[in-house]
Structures are given as structure tokens and as C-alpha cells.
């Protein structure tokens, strides 16, 4: 990849996910869920706890990935992150 193209790509970065409140909250949620899952019964490891872990990690991951994209793409990744948070909320109600 040519250096000019790399510079152009990095220049397009609109947000830095670590500076966004929703990015910080997403990381906190993911860490809190990890702490909760330590207490889960072993028979839940491959079912509900696995799904809780995956969707909680999806929240900050989508915010981070979207932050490197254009505004339109960033909003798309925020929508995916919001969907993951709804999924997580539903799963927590089931426990």
C-alpha cells in the first residue's frame, strides 16, 4: 500500500473510540459482564454465558471499528452496537 493512501485513510478518522462516552461505557459493560460470568455455574459456560460474553464484547468492538470509518458507516456500527446492547439486556432478564 502506498504511503499516500495510508495517510489519506488515517486522515479520515472522525472519532477515537476511547474518547467517546459510549465507547467507554461499552468497555465497562463488557468488563462487568466478564466479572459476572465468573460466578456463573459451569453448566452454563457453553450456552447463556457464552452468548452474554459475545454480545457484551460486540458493543465496544463495533464502536471501535465504526470509529475508523466515515460518519455514515460509524452510525451503522453504532446501530449494530445498540442492537447488541438490547440483546444483552434481554439475556440478562432471562437469567
C-alpha atoms as a PDB file:
ATOM      1  CA  UNK A   1       0.000   0.000   0.000  1.00  0.00           C
ATOM      2  CA  UNK A   2       1.370   3.374  -0.887  1.00  0.00           C
ATOM      3  CA  UNK A   3       2.159   5.793   1.916  1.00  0.00           C
ATOM      4  CA  UNK A   4      -0.156   8.468   0.424  1.00  0.00           C
ATOM      5  CA  UNK A   5      -3.083   6.080   0.609  1.00  0.00           C
ATOM      6  CA  UNK A   6      -2.301   5.165   4.227  1.00  0.00           C
ATOM      7  CA  UNK A   7      -2.116   8.848   5.138  1.00  0.00           C
ATOM      8  CA  UNK A   8      -5.434   9.524   3.403  1.00  0.00           C
ATOM      9  CA  UNK A   9      -7.063   6.604   5.244  1.00  0.00           C
ATOM     10  CA  UNK A  10      -5.844   7.774   8.651  1.00  0.00           C
ATOM     11  CA  UNK A  11      -6.837  11.344   7.892  1.00  0.00           C
ATOM     12  CA  UNK A  12     -10.463  10.183   7.504  1.00  0.00           C
ATOM     13  CA  UNK A  13     -10.689   9.039  11.118  1.00  0.00           C
ATOM     14  CA  UNK A  14     -13.534  11.032  12.612  1.00  0.00           C
ATOM     15  CA  UNK A  15     -13.670   9.702  16.142  1.00  0.00           C
ATOM     16  CA  UNK A  16     -11.435   7.905  18.566  1.00  0.00           C
ATOM     17  CA  UNK A  17     -13.479   5.304  20.388  1.00  0.00           C
ATOM     18  CA  UNK A  18     -11.546   5.703  23.655  1.00  0.00           C
ATOM     19  CA  UNK A  19     -12.654   9.355  23.813  1.00  0.00           C
ATOM     20  CA  UNK A  20     -16.326   8.573  23.183  1.00  0.00           C
ATOM     21  CA  UNK A  21     -18.580   8.140  26.204  1.00  0.00           C
ATOM     22  CA  UNK A  22     -20.433   5.257  24.572  1.00  0.00           C
ATOM     23  CA  UNK A  23     -17.098   3.568  23.822  1.00  0.00           C
ATOM     24  CA  UNK A  24     -16.007   3.889  27.442  1.00  0.00           C
ATOM     25  CA  UNK A  25     -19.394   2.642  28.663  1.00  0.00           C
ATOM     26  CA  UNK A  26     -19.224  -0.291  26.248  1.00  0.00           C
ATOM     27  CA  UNK A  27     -15.858  -1.311  27.696  1.00  0.00           C
ATOM     28  CA  UNK A  28     -17.226  -1.003  31.244  1.00  0.00           C
ATOM     29  CA  UNK A  29     -20.237  -3.159  30.384  1.00  0.00           C
ATOM     30  CA  UNK A  30     -18.025  -5.782  28.785  1.00  0.00           C
ATOM     31  CA  UNK A  31     -15.757  -5.877  31.849  1.00  0.00           C
ATOM     32  CA  UNK A  32     -18.739  -6.057  34.219  1.00  0.00           C
ATOM     33  CA  UNK A  33     -20.244  -8.963  32.281  1.00  0.00           C
ATOM     34  CA  UNK A  34     -16.899 -10.775  32.382  1.00  0.00           C
ATOM     35  CA  UNK A  35     -16.857 -10.376  36.160  1.00  0.00           C
ATOM     36  CA  UNK A  36     -20.439 -11.655  36.438  1.00  0.00           C
ATOM     37  CA  UNK A  37     -19.729 -14.669  34.228  1.00  0.00           C
ATOM     38  CA  UNK A  38     -17.013 -15.872  36.602  1.00  0.00           C
ATOM     39  CA  UNK A  39     -19.810 -16.611  39.089  1.00  0.00           C
ATOM     40  CA  UNK A  40     -21.979 -18.487  36.557  1.00  0.00           C
ATOM     41  CA  UNK A  41     -22.464 -22.233  37.024  1.00  0.00           C
ATOM     42  CA  UNK A  42     -20.170 -24.397  34.912  1.00  0.00           C
ATOM     43  CA  UNK A  43     -23.087 -25.972  33.025  1.00  0.00           C
ATOM     44  CA  UNK A  44     -23.915 -22.530  31.588  1.00  0.00           C
ATOM     45  CA  UNK A  45     -20.444 -21.975  30.098  1.00  0.00           C
ATOM     46  CA  UNK A  46     -21.394 -23.171  26.614  1.00  0.00           C
ATOM     47  CA  UNK A  47     -24.888 -21.733  26.472  1.00  0.00           C
ATOM     48  CA  UNK A  48     -26.131 -18.476  28.002  1.00  0.00           C
ATOM     49  CA  UNK A  49     -22.801 -17.320  29.405  1.00  0.00           C
ATOM     50  CA  UNK A  50     -21.133 -17.740  26.022  1.00  0.00           C
ATOM     51  CA  UNK A  51     -23.835 -15.652  24.360  1.00  0.00           C
ATOM     52  CA  UNK A  52     -23.666 -12.999  27.107  1.00  0.00           C
ATOM     53  CA  UNK A  53     -19.930 -12.756  26.635  1.00  0.00           C
ATOM     54  CA  UNK A  54     -20.120 -12.473  22.846  1.00  0.00           C
ATOM     55  CA  UNK A  55     -22.787  -9.768  22.735  1.00  0.00           C
ATOM     56  CA  UNK A  56     -21.182  -7.738  25.552  1.00  0.00           C
ATOM     57  CA  UNK A  57     -17.867  -7.757  23.686  1.00  0.00           C
ATOM     58  CA  UNK A  58     -19.691  -6.847  20.475  1.00  0.00           C
ATOM     59  CA  UNK A  59     -20.783  -3.491  21.937  1.00  0.00           C
ATOM     60  CA  UNK A  60     -17.332  -1.852  22.297  1.00  0.00           C
ATOM     61  CA  UNK A  61     -15.927  -3.753  19.309  1.00  0.00           C
ATOM     62  CA  UNK A  62     -18.487  -2.255  16.924  1.00  0.00           C
ATOM     63  CA  UNK A  63     -17.966   1.215  18.357  1.00  0.00           C
ATOM     64  CA  UNK A  64     -14.199   0.859  17.908  1.00  0.00           C
ATOM     65  CA  UNK A  65     -14.492  -0.483  14.368  1.00  0.00           C
ATOM     66  CA  UNK A  66     -17.017   2.146  13.331  1.00  0.00           C
ATOM     67  CA  UNK A  67     -14.901   4.958  14.752  1.00  0.00           C
ATOM     68  CA  UNK A  68     -12.374   4.429  11.993  1.00  0.00           C
ATOM     69  CA  UNK A  69     -14.974   4.786   9.245  1.00  0.00           C
ATOM     70  CA  UNK A  70     -16.917   7.599   7.653  1.00  0.00           C
ATOM     71  CA  UNK A  71     -19.785   9.213   9.565  1.00  0.00           C
ATOM     72  CA  UNK A  72     -22.367   7.146   7.677  1.00  0.00           C
ATOM     73  CA  UNK A  73     -20.562   3.878   8.417  1.00  0.00           C
ATOM     74  CA  UNK A  74     -19.960   4.939  12.009  1.00  0.00           C
ATOM     75  CA  UNK A  75     -23.704   5.390  12.554  1.00  0.00           C
ATOM     76  CA  UNK A  76     -24.262   1.920  11.072  1.00  0.00           C
ATOM     77  CA  UNK A  77     -21.797   0.381  13.541  1.00  0.00           C
ATOM     78  CA  UNK A  78     -23.411   2.327  16.394  1.00  0.00           C
ATOM     79  CA  UNK A  79     -26.755   0.809  15.391  1.00  0.00           C
ATOM     80  CA  UNK A  80     -25.225  -2.675  15.491  1.00  0.00           C
ATOM     81  CA  UNK A  81     -23.756  -1.883  18.903  1.00  0.00           C
ATOM     82  CA  UNK A  82     -27.149  -0.702  20.135  1.00  0.00           C
ATOM     83  CA  UNK A  83     -28.697  -3.945  18.899  1.00  0.00           C
ATOM     84  CA  UNK A  84     -26.091  -5.910  20.842  1.00  0.00           C
ATOM     85  CA  UNK A  85     -26.924  -3.921  23.967  1.00  0.00           C
ATOM     86  CA  UNK A  86     -30.639  -4.769  23.545  1.00  0.00           C
ATOM     87  CA  UNK A  87     -29.704  -8.419  23.077  1.00  0.00           C
ATOM     88  CA  UNK A  88     -27.601  -8.299  26.240  1.00  0.00           C
ATOM     89  CA  UNK A  89     -30.424  -6.662  28.195  1.00  0.00           C
ATOM     90  CA  UNK A  90     -32.857  -9.363  27.094  1.00  0.00           C
ATOM     91  CA  UNK A  91     -30.458 -12.137  28.047  1.00  0.00           C
ATOM     92  CA  UNK A  92     -29.854 -10.612  31.468  1.00  0.00           C
ATOM     93  CA  UNK A  93     -33.618 -10.624  32.054  1.00  0.00           C
ATOM     94  CA  UNK A  94     -33.625 -14.359  31.304  1.00  0.00           C
ATOM     95  CA  UNK A  95     -31.077 -15.157  34.000  1.00  0.00           C
END
